[in-house]
Amino acid sequence: GFYALSGNAVHVQSQDLALRTKDMNVLLDIFETLSYKKSCDISEAQLRHVSDNLSYLKRAGFKVEWLRAKFDDVSLNACEARIVKLKEEVKKQEQMVSYLKDMLKYEEAKLKKL
């Protein structure tokens, strides 16, 4: 049979209701992860999970190219967001290292005076 989600048809080959229900739940989980979370909030583990589930659904006969395109876009945005966060963290750590070096020089100078 055919099911529609967000205006996109997907082909379901299985006649097993339990399997179809599982497949649709996997599809809905993917859709919700990609649609409702900010890219910067999606972890690499979640992206791997979505990718694995997309592969599973494709093997099960679903036409998920439209979700794969959305996944690629979300993955790119998530990567860019992680880069921004990492750059901010590097800057904070560099400032901390600079402060610690200054403190070390200060303590060494005090020691020389003693």
N, C-alpha and C. Protein backbone atom coordinates (compact mmCIF):
# COMPACT_ATOMS: atom_id res chain seq x y z
N GLY A 1 0.81 -1.18 0.00
CA GLY A 1 0.00 0.00 0.00
C GLY A 1 0.86 1.26 0.00
N PHE A 2 0.23 2.39 -0.09
CA PHE A 2 0.92 3.67 -0.05
C PHE A 2 0.46 4.46 1.16
N TYR A 3 1.38 5.15 1.79
CA TYR A 3 1.09 6.04 2.90
C TYR A 3 1.64 7.40 2.55
N ALA A 4 1.02 8.45 3.07
CA ALA A 4 1.52 9.81 2.80
C ALA A 4 1.99 10.43 4.10
N LEU A 5 3.08 11.15 4.01
CA LEU A 5 3.60 11.88 5.16
C LEU A 5 4.15 13.19 4.62
N SER A 6 3.61 14.29 5.11
CA SER A 6 4.07 15.61 4.69
C SER A 6 3.99 15.77 3.17
N GLY A 7 2.93 15.22 2.57
CA GLY A 7 2.74 15.38 1.13
C GLY A 7 3.62 14.49 0.27
N ASN A 8 4.40 13.61 0.87
CA ASN A 8 5.28 12.74 0.11
C ASN A 8 4.84 11.30 0.27
N ALA A 9 4.67 10.58 -0.85
CA ALA A 9 4.23 9.19 -0.79
C ALA A 9 5.43 8.28 -0.55
N VAL A 10 5.20 7.26 0.23
CA VAL A 10 6.21 6.24 0.47
C VAL A 10 5.57 4.90 0.20
N HIS A 11 6.30 4.00 -0.41
CA HIS A 11 5.78 2.69 -0.75
C HIS A 11 6.16 1.70 0.34
N VAL A 12 5.16 0.99 0.85
CA VAL A 12 5.39 0.00 1.88
C VAL A 12 5.10 -1.36 1.28
N GLN A 13 6.12 -2.24 1.26
CA GLN A 13 5.96 -3.54 0.64
C GLN A 13 5.37 -4.57 1.59
N SER A 14 5.63 -4.46 2.87
CA SER A 14 5.22 -5.47 3.83
C SER A 14 3.71 -5.47 4.03
N GLN A 15 3.13 -6.66 4.10
CA GLN A 15 1.72 -6.79 4.43
C GLN A 15 1.53 -7.04 5.93
N ASP A 16 2.62 -7.21 6.67
CA ASP A 16 2.60 -7.45 8.11
C ASP A 16 2.30 -6.14 8.83
N LEU A 17 1.15 -6.08 9.48
CA LEU A 17 0.72 -4.84 10.13
C LEU A 17 1.71 -4.39 11.20
N ALA A 18 2.23 -5.32 12.00
CA ALA A 18 3.18 -4.96 13.05
C ALA A 18 4.45 -4.36 12.45
N LEU A 19 4.94 -4.96 11.36
CA LEU A 19 6.14 -4.44 10.70
C LEU A 19 5.86 -3.08 10.08
N ARG A 20 4.71 -2.93 9.45
CA ARG A 20 4.36 -1.63 8.86
C ARG A 20 4.26 -0.57 9.94
N THR A 21 3.68 -0.92 11.09
CA THR A 21 3.57 0.02 12.20
C THR A 21 4.95 0.42 12.68
N LYS A 22 5.84 -0.55 12.83
CA LYS A 22 7.22 -0.26 13.25
C LYS A 22 7.89 0.66 12.24
N ASP A 23 7.76 0.33 10.97
CA ASP A 23 8.37 1.14 9.92
C ASP A 23 7.84 2.57 9.94
N MET A 24 6.55 2.73 10.13
CA MET A 24 5.97 4.07 10.16
C MET A 24 6.44 4.83 11.40
N ASN A 25 6.61 4.13 12.52
CA ASN A 25 7.13 4.80 13.72
C ASN A 25 8.57 5.25 13.51
N VAL A 26 9.38 4.43 12.82
CA VAL A 26 10.75 4.81 12.50
C VAL A 26 10.73 6.04 11.59
N LEU A 27 9.86 6.01 10.60
CA LEU A 27 9.75 7.14 9.68
C LEU A 27 9.33 8.42 10.41
N LEU A 28 8.35 8.30 11.29
CA LEU A 28 7.91 9.47 12.05
C LEU A 28 9.02 10.00 12.96
N ASP A 29 9.77 9.09 13.57
CA ASP A 29 10.88 9.50 14.43
C ASP A 29 11.92 10.29 13.64
N ILE A 30 12.24 9.80 12.46
CA ILE A 30 13.20 10.50 11.59
C ILE A 30 12.65 11.88 11.24
N PHE A 31 11.42 11.90 10.81
CA PHE A 31 10.80 13.16 10.39
C PHE A 31 10.80 14.17 11.52
N GLU A 32 10.43 13.73 12.73
CA GLU A 32 10.40 14.63 13.87
C GLU A 32 11.80 15.12 14.24
N THR A 33 12.78 14.23 14.21
CA THR A 33 14.15 14.63 14.54
C THR A 33 14.64 15.69 13.57
N LEU A 34 14.37 15.50 12.29
CA LEU A 34 14.87 16.43 11.29
C LEU A 34 14.06 17.71 11.20
N SER A 35 12.81 17.67 11.64
CA SER A 35 11.95 18.84 11.46
C SER A 35 11.83 19.74 12.67
N TYR A 36 11.89 19.16 13.85
CA TYR A 36 11.54 19.94 15.02
C TYR A 36 12.70 20.32 15.92
N LYS A 37 13.86 19.77 15.67
CA LYS A 37 15.02 20.13 16.50
C LYS A 37 15.87 21.15 15.77
N LYS A 38 16.44 22.06 16.54
CA LYS A 38 17.40 22.98 15.93
C LYS A 38 18.62 22.17 15.53
N SER A 39 19.21 22.52 14.40
CA SER A 39 20.38 21.79 13.92
C SER A 39 21.48 21.73 14.96
N CYS A 40 21.66 22.83 15.71
CA CYS A 40 22.75 22.85 16.69
C CYS A 40 22.48 21.93 17.86
N ASP A 41 21.24 21.48 18.03
CA ASP A 41 20.90 20.60 19.13
C ASP A 41 20.94 19.12 18.75
N ILE A 42 21.18 18.82 17.49
CA ILE A 42 21.21 17.43 17.04
C ILE A 42 22.64 16.91 17.16
N SER A 43 22.79 15.83 17.90
CA SER A 43 24.13 15.27 18.13
C SER A 43 24.55 14.40 16.95
N GLU A 44 25.84 14.12 16.91
CA GLU A 44 26.35 13.22 15.87
C GLU A 44 25.72 11.84 16.01
N ALA A 45 25.51 11.40 17.24
CA ALA A 45 24.88 10.09 17.47
C ALA A 45 23.46 10.07 16.91
N GLN A 46 22.71 11.15 17.11
CA GLN A 46 21.36 11.22 16.55
C GLN A 46 21.39 11.21 15.03
N LEU A 47 22.36 11.91 14.45
CA LEU A 47 22.48 11.92 12.99
C LEU A 47 22.83 10.53 12.46
N ARG A 48 23.72 9.82 13.15
CA ARG A 48 24.05 8.45 12.73
C ARG A 48 22.81 7.56 12.83
N HIS A 49 22.04 7.74 13.89
CA HIS A 49 20.82 6.95 14.09
C HIS A 49 19.83 7.22 12.95
N VAL A 50 19.64 8.49 12.61
CA VAL A 50 18.74 8.85 11.51
C VAL A 50 19.25 8.25 10.20
N SER A 51 20.54 8.35 9.95
CA SER A 51 21.11 7.80 8.73
C SER A 51 20.89 6.28 8.65
N ASP A 52 21.14 5.60 9.76
CA ASP A 52 20.91 4.15 9.80
C ASP A 52 19.45 3.82 9.54
N ASN A 53 18.55 4.59 10.15
CA ASN A 53 17.12 4.35 9.95
C ASN A 53 16.69 4.64 8.52
N LEU A 54 17.26 5.67 7.91
CA LEU A 54 16.94 5.95 6.50
C LEU A 54 17.38 4.79 5.62
N SER A 55 18.56 4.24 5.90
CA SER A 55 19.05 3.09 5.13
C SER A 55 18.13 1.89 5.33
N TYR A 56 17.71 1.67 6.57
CA TYR A 56 16.80 0.56 6.88
C TYR A 56 15.49 0.71 6.10
N LEU A 57 14.91 1.92 6.13
CA LEU A 57 13.65 2.14 5.43
C LEU A 57 13.80 1.99 3.92
N LYS A 58 14.92 2.43 3.39
CA LYS A 58 15.14 2.28 1.96
C LYS A 58 15.18 0.80 1.58
N ARG A 59 15.90 0.00 2.41
CA ARG A 59 15.95 -1.44 2.16
C ARG A 59 14.57 -2.08 2.30
N ALA A 60 13.72 -1.48 3.14
CA ALA A 60 12.37 -2.01 3.36
C ALA A 60 11.41 -1.59 2.25
N GLY A 61 11.88 -0.79 1.31
CA GLY A 61 11.05 -0.41 0.17
C GLY A 61 10.46 0.98 0.22
N PHE A 62 10.80 1.76 1.24
CA PHE A 62 10.30 3.13 1.31
C PHE A 62 11.07 4.01 0.34
N LYS A 63 10.37 4.95 -0.23
CA LYS A 63 11.01 5.96 -1.08
C LYS A 63 11.33 7.15 -0.17
N VAL A 64 12.58 7.21 0.29
CA VAL A 64 12.95 8.20 1.31
C VAL A 64 13.94 9.24 0.79
N GLU A 65 14.03 9.39 -0.52
CA GLU A 65 14.99 10.35 -1.07
C GLU A 65 14.72 11.76 -0.55
N TRP A 66 13.45 12.12 -0.40
CA TRP A 66 13.08 13.45 0.09
C TRP A 66 13.57 13.65 1.52
N LEU A 67 13.55 12.59 2.34
CA LEU A 67 14.07 12.69 3.69
C LEU A 67 15.59 12.68 3.70
N ARG A 68 16.20 11.97 2.76
CA ARG A 68 17.66 11.94 2.67
C ARG A 68 18.17 13.35 2.35
N ALA A 69 17.48 14.06 1.47
CA ALA A 69 17.87 15.44 1.14
C ALA A 69 17.75 16.33 2.37
N LYS A 70 16.67 16.18 3.13
CA LYS A 70 16.49 16.96 4.36
C LYS A 70 17.57 16.59 5.37
N PHE A 71 17.88 15.29 5.47
CA PHE A 71 18.93 14.82 6.38
C PHE A 71 20.27 15.46 6.02
N ASP A 72 20.60 15.49 4.73
CA ASP A 72 21.87 16.09 4.30
C ASP A 72 21.93 17.56 4.70
N ASP A 73 20.83 18.27 4.54
CA ASP A 73 20.77 19.68 4.90
C ASP A 73 20.93 19.88 6.40
N VAL A 74 20.22 19.09 7.19
CA VAL A 74 20.30 19.18 8.65
C VAL A 74 21.71 18.81 9.12
N SER A 75 22.30 17.78 8.50
CA SER A 75 23.66 17.36 8.87
C SER A 75 24.66 18.48 8.63
N LEU A 76 24.54 19.14 7.49
CA LEU A 76 25.43 20.26 7.17
C LEU A 76 25.26 21.38 8.19
N ASN A 77 24.02 21.73 8.49
CA ASN A 77 23.76 22.80 9.47
C ASN A 77 24.27 22.41 10.85
N ALA A 78 24.09 21.16 11.23
CA ALA A 78 24.55 20.70 12.54
C ALA A 78 26.07 20.76 12.62
N CYS A 79 26.74 20.38 11.55
CA CYS A 79 28.20 20.43 11.51
C CYS A 79 28.68 21.88 11.64
N GLU A 80 28.06 22.76 10.91
CA GLU A 80 28.42 24.18 10.98
C GLU A 80 28.19 24.73 12.38
N ALA A 81 27.09 24.34 13.02
CA ALA A 81 26.79 24.81 14.38
C ALA A 81 27.83 24.27 15.36
N ARG A 82 28.24 23.00 15.20
CA ARG A 82 29.27 22.45 16.09
C ARG A 82 30.60 23.16 15.89
N ILE A 83 30.93 23.54 14.67
CA ILE A 83 32.16 24.27 14.39
C ILE A 83 32.15 25.60 15.12
N VAL A 84 31.04 26.31 15.08
CA VAL A 84 30.92 27.59 15.77
C VAL A 84 31.12 27.40 17.27
N LYS A 85 30.46 26.38 17.85
CA LYS A 85 30.60 26.12 19.28
C LYS A 85 32.03 25.74 19.63
N LEU A 86 32.66 24.92 18.80
CA LEU A 86 34.05 24.53 19.07
C LEU A 86 34.99 25.72 19.00
N LYS A 87 34.79 26.60 18.03
CA LYS A 87 35.63 27.80 17.94
C LYS A 87 35.48 28.66 19.19
N GLU A 88 34.25 28.79 19.68
CA GLU A 88 34.02 29.55 20.92
C GLU A 88 34.74 28.88 22.09
N GLU A 89 34.68 27.56 22.16
CA GLU A 89 35.34 26.84 23.25
C GLU A 89 36.86 26.97 23.15
N VAL A 90 37.40 26.89 21.94
CA VAL A 90 38.85 27.07 21.75
C VAL A 90 39.27 28.45 22.22
N LYS A 91 38.49 29.46 21.87
CA LYS A 91 38.81 30.83 22.30
C LYS A 91 38.82 30.94 23.82
N LYS A 92 37.82 30.34 24.49
CA LYS A 92 37.78 30.36 25.95
C LYS A 92 39.00 29.64 26.54
N GLN A 93 39.34 28.51 25.97
CA GLN A 93 40.48 27.74 26.49
C GLN A 93 41.79 28.49 26.26
N GLU A 94 41.93 29.15 25.11
CA GLU A 94 43.13 29.95 24.84
C GLU A 94 43.25 31.09 25.84
N GLN A 95 42.12 31.72 26.18
CA GLN A 95 42.14 32.78 27.18
C GLN A 95 42.56 32.23 28.55
N MET A 96 42.07 31.04 28.89
CA MET A 96 42.43 30.42 30.15
C MET A 96 43.92 30.09 30.18
N VAL A 97 44.45 29.55 29.08
CA VAL A 97 45.88 29.23 29.00
C VAL A 97 46.70 30.51 29.15
N SER A 98 46.29 31.57 28.51
CA SER A 98 46.99 32.85 28.60
C SER A 98 47.00 33.35 30.05
N TYR A 99 45.86 33.27 30.70
CA TYR A 99 45.76 33.67 32.10
C TYR A 99 46.69 32.82 32.97
N LEU A 100 46.69 31.49 32.76
CA LEU A 100 47.55 30.60 33.55
C LEU A 100 49.03 30.89 33.32
N LYS A 101 49.41 31.19 32.08
CA LYS A 101 50.80 31.54 31.80
C LYS A 101 51.19 32.82 32.52
N ASP A 102 50.28 33.81 32.53
CA ASP A 102 50.55 35.05 33.26
C ASP A 102 50.71 34.79 34.75
N MET A 103 49.85 33.94 35.30
CA MET A 103 49.93 33.60 36.73
C MET A 103 51.24 32.87 37.03
N LEU A 104 51.66 31.99 36.13
CA LEU A 104 52.92 31.28 36.31
C LEU A 104 54.09 32.26 36.32
N LYS A 105 54.12 33.19 35.37
CA LYS A 105 55.19 34.20 35.32
C LYS A 105 55.20 35.04 36.60
N TYR A 106 54.02 35.40 37.07
CA TYR A 106 53.91 36.20 38.30
C TYR A 106 54.49 35.43 39.49
N GLU A 107 54.12 34.16 39.62
CA GLU A 107 54.61 33.35 40.74
C GLU A 107 56.12 33.11 40.63
N GLU A 108 56.62 32.91 39.40
CA GLU A 108 58.07 32.74 39.22
C GLU A 108 58.81 34.02 39.59
N ALA A 109 58.25 35.17 39.22
CA ALA A 109 58.87 36.45 39.57
C ALA A 109 58.88 36.65 41.09
N LYS A 110 57.80 36.28 41.76
CA LYS A 110 57.77 36.36 43.22
C LYS A 110 58.81 35.47 43.84
N LEU A 111 58.98 34.28 43.29
CA LEU A 111 59.94 33.34 43.83
C LEU A 111 61.36 33.88 43.70
N LYS A 112 61.67 34.52 42.60
CA LYS A 112 63.01 35.09 42.40
C LYS A 112 63.31 36.20 43.41
N LYS A 113 62.28 36.96 43.79
CA LYS A 113 62.46 38.04 44.74
C LYS A 113 62.70 37.52 46.16
N LEU A 114 62.19 36.32 46.42
CA LEU A 114 62.36 35.74 47.77
C LEU A 114 63.71 35.22 47.88
